[in-house]
Amino acid sequence: MEVGLAGTLLVYAFAARIPVLVVMCLALSGNWGTHYDAVPARYQDVAFWNKFFAVAVLPQMCLWISYTVVIGSLLGEVASAMFGHRAVRAS
């Protein structure tokens, strides 16, 4: 079964974003004072889970994963067109 570039990028995106989501959860709940828990002023008095969903889950799991797959696929197509497609097969 061949996964292809988009599948590989999707796996990579989840592998990269899930740890960030965990760190953001810890930072938001512990008020670390880092960029992981910096939120816009409108979220200062919002309940933890609502804040976590709005500033961590939605951006990390929707925005950044789709960005990774779309931009990575576009750049992969550009690279393939420029340098030619060479299939790499596992022995």
PDB file of N, CA and C in Angstrom:
ATOM      1  N   MET A   1       0.844  -1.178   0.000  1.00  0.00           N
ATOM      2  CA  MET A   1       0.000   0.000   0.000  1.00  0.00           C
ATOM      3  C   MET A   1       0.886   1.237   0.000  1.00  0.00           C
ATOM      4  N   GLU A   2       0.711   2.077  -0.962  1.00  0.00           N
ATOM      5  CA  GLU A   2       1.499   3.303  -1.064  1.00  0.00           C
ATOM      6  C   GLU A   2       0.700   4.475  -0.497  1.00  0.00           C
ATOM      7  N   VAL A   3       1.320   5.197   0.430  1.00  0.00           N
ATOM      8  CA  VAL A   3       0.625   6.288   1.110  1.00  0.00           C
ATOM      9  C   VAL A   3       0.656   7.560   0.293  1.00  0.00           C
ATOM     10  N   GLY A   4       1.764   7.896  -0.287  1.00  0.00           N
ATOM     11  CA  GLY A   4       1.880   9.121  -1.059  1.00  0.00           C
ATOM     12  C   GLY A   4       2.252  10.310  -0.186  1.00  0.00           C
ATOM     13  N   LEU A   5       2.511  11.409  -0.844  1.00  0.00           N
ATOM     14  CA  LEU A   5       2.979  12.608  -0.156  1.00  0.00           C
ATOM     15  C   LEU A   5       1.934  13.163   0.805  1.00  0.00           C
ATOM     16  N   ALA A   6       0.694  13.305   0.359  1.00  0.00           N
ATOM     17  CA  ALA A   6      -0.344  13.886   1.222  1.00  0.00           C
ATOM     18  C   ALA A   6      -0.566  13.035   2.472  1.00  0.00           C
ATOM     19  N   GLY A   7      -0.551  11.730   2.335  1.00  0.00           N
ATOM     20  CA  GLY A   7      -0.703  10.841   3.490  1.00  0.00           C
ATOM     21  C   GLY A   7       0.456  10.963   4.460  1.00  0.00           C
ATOM     22  N   THR A   8       1.655  11.045   3.924  1.00  0.00           N
ATOM     23  CA  THR A   8       2.839  11.219   4.762  1.00  0.00           C
ATOM     24  C   THR A   8       2.795  12.560   5.487  1.00  0.00           C
ATOM     25  N   LEU A   9       2.385  13.596   4.776  1.00  0.00           N
ATOM     26  CA  LEU A   9       2.265  14.918   5.397  1.00  0.00           C
ATOM     27  C   LEU A   9       1.191  14.935   6.478  1.00  0.00           C
ATOM     28  N   LEU A  10       0.112  14.207   6.272  1.00  0.00           N
ATOM     29  CA  LEU A  10      -0.951  14.139   7.276  1.00  0.00           C
ATOM     30  C   LEU A  10      -0.456  13.460   8.545  1.00  0.00           C
ATOM     31  N   VAL A  11       0.251  12.361   8.395  1.00  0.00           N
ATOM     32  CA  VAL A  11       0.819  11.672   9.559  1.00  0.00           C
ATOM     33  C   VAL A  11       1.818  12.583  10.267  1.00  0.00           C
ATOM     34  N   TYR A  12       2.680  13.233   9.504  1.00  0.00           N
ATOM     35  CA  TYR A  12       3.648  14.161  10.086  1.00  0.00           C
ATOM     36  C   TYR A  12       2.950  15.300  10.826  1.00  0.00           C
ATOM     37  N   ALA A  13       1.895  15.854  10.225  1.00  0.00           N
ATOM     38  CA  ALA A  13       1.190  16.985  10.838  1.00  0.00           C
ATOM     39  C   ALA A  13       0.610  16.593  12.197  1.00  0.00           C
ATOM     40  N   PHE A  14      -0.020  15.441  12.279  1.00  0.00           N
ATOM     41  CA  PHE A  14      -0.550  14.990  13.571  1.00  0.00           C
ATOM     42  C   PHE A  14       0.572  14.723  14.566  1.00  0.00           C
ATOM     43  N   ALA A  15       1.654  14.110  14.105  1.00  0.00           N
ATOM     44  CA  ALA A  15       2.786  13.827  15.001  1.00  0.00           C
ATOM     45  C   ALA A  15       3.427  15.102  15.521  1.00  0.00           C
ATOM     46  N   ALA A  16       3.402  16.160  14.748  1.00  0.00           N
ATOM     47  CA  ALA A  16       3.991  17.424  15.173  1.00  0.00           C
ATOM     48  C   ALA A  16       3.044  18.240  16.035  1.00  0.00           C
ATOM     49  N   ARG A  17       1.749  18.172  15.803  1.00  0.00           N
ATOM     50  CA  ARG A  17       0.784  19.045  16.479  1.00  0.00           C
ATOM     51  C   ARG A  17       0.238  18.477  17.777  1.00  0.00           C
ATOM     52  N   ILE A  18       0.146  17.166  17.907  1.00  0.00           N
ATOM     53  CA  ILE A  18      -0.383  16.592  19.150  1.00  0.00           C
ATOM     54  C   ILE A  18       0.495  16.936  20.350  1.00  0.00           C
ATOM     55  N   PRO A  19       1.827  16.834  20.261  1.00  0.00           N
ATOM     56  CA  PRO A  19       2.638  17.260  21.417  1.00  0.00           C
ATOM     57  C   PRO A  19       2.465  18.742  21.750  1.00  0.00           C
ATOM     58  N   VAL A  20       2.304  19.591  20.747  1.00  0.00           N
ATOM     59  CA  VAL A  20       2.074  21.015  20.986  1.00  0.00           C
ATOM     60  C   VAL A  20       0.750  21.205  21.724  1.00  0.00           C
ATOM     61  N   LEU A  21      -0.255  20.448  21.330  1.00  0.00           N
ATOM     62  CA  LEU A  21      -1.554  20.523  21.988  1.00  0.00           C
ATOM     63  C   LEU A  21      -1.458  20.115  23.455  1.00  0.00           C
ATOM     64  N   VAL A  22      -0.692  19.087  23.748  1.00  0.00           N
ATOM     65  CA  VAL A  22      -0.498  18.648  25.140  1.00  0.00           C
ATOM     66  C   VAL A  22       0.208  19.738  25.948  1.00  0.00           C
ATOM     67  N   VAL A  23       1.262  20.314  25.380  1.00  0.00           N
ATOM     68  CA  VAL A  23       1.991  21.381  26.075  1.00  0.00           C
ATOM     69  C   VAL A  23       1.090  22.592  26.288  1.00  0.00           C
ATOM     70  N   MET A  24       0.275  22.932  25.291  1.00  0.00           N
ATOM     71  CA  MET A  24      -0.645  24.062  25.453  1.00  0.00           C
ATOM     72  C   MET A  24      -1.665  23.798  26.551  1.00  0.00           C
ATOM     73  N   CYS A  25      -2.145  22.584  26.648  1.00  0.00           N
ATOM     74  CA  CYS A  25      -3.088  22.228  27.713  1.00  0.00           C
ATOM     75  C   CYS A  25      -2.436  22.413  29.078  1.00  0.00           C
ATOM     76  N   LEU A  26      -1.231  21.909  29.228  1.00  0.00           N
ATOM     77  CA  LEU A  26      -0.516  22.058  30.496  1.00  0.00           C
ATOM     78  C   LEU A  26      -0.224  23.519  30.795  1.00  0.00           C
ATOM     79  N   ALA A  27       0.199  24.269  29.793  1.00  0.00           N
ATOM     80  CA  ALA A  27       0.532  25.680  29.992  1.00  0.00           C
ATOM     81  C   ALA A  27      -0.697  26.504  30.351  1.00  0.00           C
ATOM     82  N   LEU A  28      -1.804  26.247  29.657  1.00  0.00           N
ATOM     83  CA  LEU A  28      -3.030  26.992  29.952  1.00  0.00           C
ATOM     84  C   LEU A  28      -3.561  26.662  31.345  1.00  0.00           C
ATOM     85  N   SER A  29      -3.483  25.403  31.726  1.00  0.00           N
ATOM     86  CA  SER A  29      -4.005  25.026  33.049  1.00  0.00           C
ATOM     87  C   SER A  29      -3.080  25.463  34.175  1.00  0.00           C
ATOM     88  N   GLY A  30      -1.783  25.580  33.875  1.00  0.00           N
ATOM     89  CA  GLY A  30      -0.828  25.958  34.908  1.00  0.00           C
ATOM     90  C   GLY A  30      -0.398  27.404  34.891  1.00  0.00           C
ATOM     91  N   ASN A  31      -0.942  28.193  33.948  1.00  0.00           N
ATOM     92  CA  ASN A  31      -0.567  29.610  33.825  1.00  0.00           C
ATOM     93  C   ASN A  31       0.955  29.796  33.808  1.00  0.00           C
ATOM     94  N   TRP A  32       1.611  29.167  32.843  1.00  0.00           N
ATOM     95  CA  TRP A  32       3.068  29.196  32.764  1.00  0.00           C
ATOM     96  C   TRP A  32       3.616  30.573  32.410  1.00  0.00           C
ATOM     97  N   GLY A  33       2.845  31.372  31.708  1.00  0.00           N
ATOM     98  CA  GLY A  33       3.332  32.683  31.292  1.00  0.00           C
ATOM     99  C   GLY A  33       4.225  32.634  30.061  1.00  0.00           C
ATOM    100  N   THR A  34       4.035  31.628  29.219  1.00  0.00           N
ATOM    101  CA  THR A  34       4.814  31.492  27.983  1.00  0.00           C
ATOM    102  C   THR A  34       3.905  31.760  26.787  1.00  0.00           C
ATOM    103  N   HIS A  35       4.466  31.638  25.599  1.00  0.00           N
ATOM    104  CA  HIS A  35       3.644  31.830  24.401  1.00  0.00           C
ATOM    105  C   HIS A  35       2.616  30.718  24.231  1.00  0.00           C
ATOM    106  N   TYR A  36       2.807  29.596  24.906  1.00  0.00           N
ATOM    107  CA  TYR A  36       1.848  28.504  24.816  1.00  0.00           C
ATOM    108  C   TYR A  36       0.535  28.818  25.520  1.00  0.00           C
ATOM    109  N   ASP A  37       0.559  29.716  26.475  1.00  0.00           N
ATOM    110  CA  ASP A  37      -0.680  30.072  27.159  1.00  0.00           C
ATOM    111  C   ASP A  37      -1.034  31.548  27.005  1.00  0.00           C
ATOM    112  N   ALA A  38      -0.409  32.223  26.073  1.00  0.00           N
ATOM    113  CA  ALA A  38      -0.764  33.617  25.775  1.00  0.00           C
ATOM    114  C   ALA A  38      -2.042  33.601  24.941  1.00  0.00           C
ATOM    115  N   VAL A  39      -3.075  34.250  25.463  1.00  0.00           N
ATOM    116  CA  VAL A  39      -4.361  34.267  24.772  1.00  0.00           C
ATOM    117  C   VAL A  39      -4.810  35.710  24.564  1.00  0.00           C
ATOM    118  N   PRO A  40      -5.618  35.936  23.537  1.00  0.00           N
ATOM    119  CA  PRO A  40      -6.168  37.284  23.347  1.00  0.00           C
ATOM    120  C   PRO A  40      -6.992  37.713  24.568  1.00  0.00           C
ATOM    121  N   ALA A  41      -7.115  39.012  24.737  1.00  0.00           N
ATOM    122  CA  ALA A  41      -7.817  39.560  25.903  1.00  0.00           C
ATOM    123  C   ALA A  41      -9.246  39.042  26.026  1.00  0.00           C
ATOM    124  N   ARG A  42      -9.908  38.788  24.919  1.00  0.00           N
ATOM    125  CA  ARG A  42     -11.300  38.333  24.988  1.00  0.00           C
ATOM    126  C   ARG A  42     -11.433  36.939  25.610  1.00  0.00           C
ATOM    127  N   TYR A  43     -10.327  36.195  25.741  1.00  0.00           N
ATOM    128  CA  TYR A  43     -10.371  34.859  26.340  1.00  0.00           C
ATOM    129  C   TYR A  43      -9.872  34.827  27.785  1.00  0.00           C
ATOM    130  N   GLN A  44      -9.538  35.963  28.343  1.00  0.00           N
ATOM    131  CA  GLN A  44      -8.979  35.998  29.695  1.00  0.00           C
ATOM    132  C   GLN A  44      -9.943  35.438  30.739  1.00  0.00           C
ATOM    133  N   ASP A  45     -11.213  35.748  30.644  1.00  0.00           N
ATOM    134  CA  ASP A  45     -12.191  35.329  31.644  1.00  0.00           C
ATOM    135  C   ASP A  45     -13.076  34.186  31.177  1.00  0.00           C
ATOM    136  N   VAL A  46     -12.630  33.442  30.189  1.00  0.00           N
ATOM    137  CA  VAL A  46     -13.403  32.320  29.649  1.00  0.00           C
ATOM    138  C   VAL A  46     -13.014  31.046  30.404  1.00  0.00           C
ATOM    139  N   ALA A  47     -13.968  30.137  30.567  1.00  0.00           N
ATOM    140  CA  ALA A  47     -13.713  28.859  31.244  1.00  0.00           C
ATOM    141  C   ALA A  47     -12.588  28.103  30.528  1.00  0.00           C
ATOM    142  N   PHE A  48     -11.823  27.315  31.292  1.00  0.00           N
ATOM    143  CA  PHE A  48     -10.634  26.636  30.760  1.00  0.00           C
ATOM    144  C   PHE A  48     -10.917  25.843  29.489  1.00  0.00           C
ATOM    145  N   TRP A  49     -11.901  24.946  29.504  1.00  0.00           N
ATOM    146  CA  TRP A  49     -12.120  24.070  28.352  1.00  0.00           C
ATOM    147  C   TRP A  49     -12.575  24.849  27.125  1.00  0.00           C
ATOM    148  N   ASN A  50     -13.363  25.890  27.317  1.00  0.00           N
ATOM    149  CA  ASN A  50     -13.754  26.734  26.179  1.00  0.00           C
ATOM    150  C   ASN A  50     -12.540  27.462  25.609  1.00  0.00           C
ATOM    151  N   LYS A  51     -11.698  27.975  26.498  1.00  0.00           N
ATOM    152  CA  LYS A  51     -10.477  28.663  26.067  1.00  0.00           C
ATOM    153  C   LYS A  51      -9.538  27.690  25.355  1.00  0.00           C
ATOM    154  N   PHE A  52      -9.347  26.521  25.938  1.00  0.00           N
ATOM    155  CA  PHE A  52      -8.469  25.504  25.357  1.00  0.00           C
ATOM    156  C   PHE A  52      -8.940  25.115  23.959  1.00  0.00           C
ATOM    157  N   PHE A  53     -10.249  24.919  23.809  1.00  0.00           N
ATOM    158  CA  PHE A  53     -10.780  24.546  22.506  1.00  0.00           C
ATOM    159  C   PHE A  53     -10.568  25.658  21.482  1.00  0.00           C
ATOM    160  N   ALA A  54     -10.837  26.901  21.890  1.00  0.00           N
ATOM    161  CA  ALA A  54     -10.767  28.031  20.963  1.00  0.00           C
ATOM    162  C   ALA A  54      -9.347  28.415  20.574  1.00  0.00           C
ATOM    163  N   VAL A  55      -8.409  28.370  21.524  1.00  0.00           N
ATOM    164  CA  VAL A  55      -7.059  28.861  21.225  1.00  0.00           C
ATOM    165  C   VAL A  55      -6.038  27.749  21.006  1.00  0.00           C
ATOM    166  N   ALA A  56      -6.418  26.502  21.283  1.00  0.00           N
ATOM    167  CA  ALA A  56      -5.465  25.408  21.098  1.00  0.00           C
ATOM    168  C   ALA A  56      -5.983  24.351  20.126  1.00  0.00           C
ATOM    169  N   VAL A  57      -7.115  23.742  20.428  1.00  0.00           N
ATOM    170  CA  VAL A  57      -7.599  22.625  19.610  1.00  0.00           C
ATOM    171  C   VAL A  57      -7.917  23.067  18.176  1.00  0.00           C
ATOM    172  N   LEU A  58      -8.730  24.089  18.033  1.00  0.00           N
ATOM    173  CA  LEU A  58      -9.099  24.516  16.670  1.00  0.00           C
ATOM    174  C   LEU A  58      -7.895  24.917  15.826  1.00  0.00           C
ATOM    175  N   PRO A  59      -7.023  25.802  16.327  1.00  0.00           N
ATOM    176  CA  PRO A  59      -5.872  26.166  15.485  1.00  0.00           C
ATOM    177  C   PRO A  59      -4.912  25.003  15.226  1.00  0.00           C
ATOM    178  N   GLN A  60      -4.571  24.255  16.254  1.00  0.00           N
ATOM    179  CA  GLN A  60      -3.578  23.192  16.090  1.00  0.00           C
ATOM    180  C   GLN A  60      -4.096  22.028  15.261  1.00  0.00           C
ATOM    181  N   MET A  61      -5.333  21.605  15.520  1.00  0.00           N
ATOM    182  CA  MET A  61      -5.837  20.391  14.884  1.00  0.00           C
ATOM    183  C   MET A  61      -6.575  20.645  13.570  1.00  0.00           C
ATOM    184  N   CYS A  62      -6.959  21.869  13.306  1.00  0.00           N
ATOM    185  CA  CYS A  62      -7.641  22.182  12.034  1.00  0.00           C
ATOM    186  C   CYS A  62      -6.752  23.036  11.138  1.00  0.00           C
ATOM    187  N   LEU A  63      -6.438  24.214  11.609  1.00  0.00           N
ATOM    188  CA  LEU A  63      -5.680  25.167  10.802  1.00  0.00           C
ATOM    189  C   LEU A  63      -4.298  24.629  10.425  1.00  0.00           C
ATOM    190  N   TRP A  64      -3.493  24.265  11.424  1.00  0.00           N
ATOM    191  CA  TRP A  64      -2.102  23.902  11.138  1.00  0.00           C
ATOM    192  C   TRP A  64      -1.965  22.559  10.439  1.00  0.00           C
ATOM    193  N   ILE A  65      -2.869  21.625  10.715  1.00  0.00           N
ATOM    194  CA  ILE A  65      -2.790  20.340  10.014  1.00  0.00           C
ATOM    195  C   ILE A  65      -3.163  20.519   8.543  1.00  0.00           C
ATOM    196  N   SER A  66      -4.232  21.248   8.275  1.00  0.00           N
ATOM    197  CA  SER A  66      -4.600  21.469   6.871  1.00  0.00           C
ATOM    198  C   SER A  66      -3.538  22.304   6.156  1.00  0.00           C
ATOM    199  N   TYR A  67      -2.977  23.304   6.836  1.00  0.00           N
ATOM    200  CA  TYR A  67      -1.901  24.113   6.252  1.00  0.00           C
ATOM    201  C   TYR A  67      -0.710  23.231   5.867  1.00  0.00           C
ATOM    202  N   THR A  68      -0.319  22.332   6.763  1.00  0.00           N
ATOM    203  CA  THR A  68       0.819  21.447   6.502  1.00  0.00           C
ATOM    204  C   THR A  68       0.575  20.568   5.280  1.00  0.00           C
ATOM    205  N   VAL A  69      -0.603  19.981   5.200  1.00  0.00           N
ATOM    206  CA  VAL A  69      -0.899  19.073   4.091  1.00  0.00           C
ATOM    207  C   VAL A  69      -1.009  19.846   2.769  1.00  0.00           C
ATOM    208  N   VAL A  70      -1.720  20.964   2.773  1.00  0.00           N
ATOM    209  CA  VAL A  70      -1.927  21.712   1.529  1.00  0.00           C
ATOM    210  C   VAL A  70      -0.622  22.331   1.021  1.00  0.00           C
ATOM    211  N   ILE A  71       0.068  23.069   1.875  1.00  0.00           N
ATOM    212  CA  ILE A  71       1.313  23.730   1.449  1.00  0.00           C
ATOM    213  C   ILE A  71       2.390  22.693   1.130  1.00  0.00           C
ATOM    214  N   GLY A  72       2.493  21.655   1.954  1.00  0.00           N
ATOM    215  CA  GLY A  72       3.470  20.593   1.693  1.00  0.00           C
ATOM    216  C   GLY A  72       3.205  19.885   0.376  1.00  0.00           C
ATOM    217  N   SER A  73       1.940  19.633   0.072  1.00  0.00           N
ATOM    218  CA  SER A  73       1.588  18.991  -1.199  1.00  0.00           C
ATOM    219  C   SER A  73       1.910  19.890  -2.386  1.00  0.00           C
ATOM    220  N   LEU A  74       1.573  21.174  -2.250  1.00  0.00           N
ATOM    221  CA  LEU A  74       1.896  22.119  -3.339  1.00  0.00           C
ATOM    222  C   LEU A  74       3.404  22.199  -3.572  1.00  0.00           C
ATOM    223  N   LEU A  75       4.158  22.338  -2.510  1.00  0.00           N
ATOM    224  CA  LEU A  75       5.614  22.415  -2.659  1.00  0.00           C
ATOM    225  C   LEU A  75       6.198  21.094  -3.139  1.00  0.00           C
ATOM    226  N   GLY A  76       5.591  19.984  -2.742  1.00  0.00           N
ATOM    227  CA  GLY A  76       6.022  18.680  -3.246  1.00  0.00           C
ATOM    228  C   GLY A  76       5.791  18.546  -4.740  1.00  0.00           C
ATOM    229  N   GLU A  77       4.657  19.068  -5.200  1.00  0.00           N
ATOM    230  CA  GLU A  77       4.381  19.051  -6.642  1.00  0.00           C
ATOM    231  C   GLU A  77       5.358  19.932  -7.402  1.00  0.00           C
ATOM    232  N   VAL A  78       5.679  21.092  -6.849  1.00  0.00           N
ATOM    233  CA  VAL A  78       6.660  21.987  -7.475  1.00  0.00           C
ATOM    234  C   VAL A  78       8.023  21.293  -7.550  1.00  0.00           C
ATOM    235  N   ALA A  79       8.435  20.680  -6.457  1.00  0.00           N
ATOM    236  CA  ALA A  79       9.731  19.981  -6.434  1.00  0.00           C
ATOM    237  C   ALA A  79       9.740  18.819  -7.421  1.00  0.00           C
ATOM    238  N   SER A  80       8.632  18.098  -7.490  1.00  0.00           N
ATOM    239  CA  SER A  80       8.535  16.979  -8.429  1.00  0.00           C
ATOM    240  C   SER A  80       8.620  17.466  -9.872  1.00  0.00           C
ATOM    241  N   ALA A  81       7.979  18.589 -10.160  1.00  0.00           N
ATOM    242  CA  ALA A  81       8.025  19.144 -11.520  1.00  0.00           C
ATOM    243  C   ALA A  81       9.418  19.653 -11.866  1.00  0.00           C
ATOM    244  N   MET A  82      10.094  20.233 -10.880  1.00  0.00           N
ATOM    245  CA  MET A  82      11.428  20.803 -11.124  1.00  0.00           C
ATOM    246  C   MET A  82      12.503  19.732 -11.248  1.00  0.00           C
ATOM    247  N   PHE A  83      12.437  18.746 -10.393  1.00  0.00           N
ATOM    248  CA  PHE A  83      13.520  17.770 -10.315  1.00  0.00           C
ATOM    249  C   PHE A  83      13.156  16.399 -10.848  1.00  0.00           C
ATOM    250  N   GLY A  84      11.949  16.229 -11.270  1.00  0.00           N
ATOM    251  CA  GLY A  84      11.516  14.942 -11.787  1.00  0.00           C
ATOM    252  C   GLY A  84      11.093  14.020 -10.660  1.00  0.00           C
ATOM    253  N   HIS A  85      10.133  13.169 -10.946  1.00  0.00           N
ATOM    254  CA  HIS A  85       9.633  12.238  -9.937  1.00  0.00           C
ATOM    255  C   HIS A  85      10.441  10.969  -9.973  1.00  0.00           C
ATOM    256  N   ARG A  86      11.042  10.635  -8.830  1.00  0.00           N
ATOM    257  CA  ARG A  86      11.768   9.373  -8.699  1.00  0.00           C
ATOM    258  C   ARG A  86      11.130   8.597  -7.566  1.00  0.00           C
ATOM    259  N   ALA A  87      10.497   7.515  -7.900  1.00  0.00           N
ATOM    260  CA  ALA A  87       9.840   6.697  -6.872  1.00  0.00           C
ATOM    261  C   ALA A  87      10.893   5.987  -6.036  1.00  0.00           C
ATOM    262  N   VAL A  88      10.719   6.039  -4.741  1.00  0.00           N
ATOM    263  CA  VAL A  88      11.612   5.347  -3.823  1.00  0.00           C
ATOM    264  C   VAL A  88      10.871   4.128  -3.301  1.00  0.00           C
ATOM    265  N   ARG A  89      11.421   2.987  -3.535  1.00  0.00           N
ATOM    266  CA  ARG A  89      10.760   1.756  -3.109  1.00  0.00           C
ATOM    267  C   ARG A  89      11.597   1.082  -2.023  1.00  0.00           C
ATOM    268  N   ALA A  90      10.896   0.548  -1.038  1.00  0.00           N
ATOM    269  CA  ALA A  90      11.573  -0.189   0.031  1.00  0.00           C
ATOM    270  C   ALA A  90      11.982  -1.553  -0.522  1.00  0.00           C
ATOM    271  N   SER A  91      13.162  -1.976  -0.175  1.00  0.00           N
ATOM    272  CA  SER A  91      13.638  -3.287  -0.670  1.00  0.00           C
ATOM    273  C   SER A  91      13.127  -4.405   0.171  1.00  0.00           C
TER     274      SER A  91
END
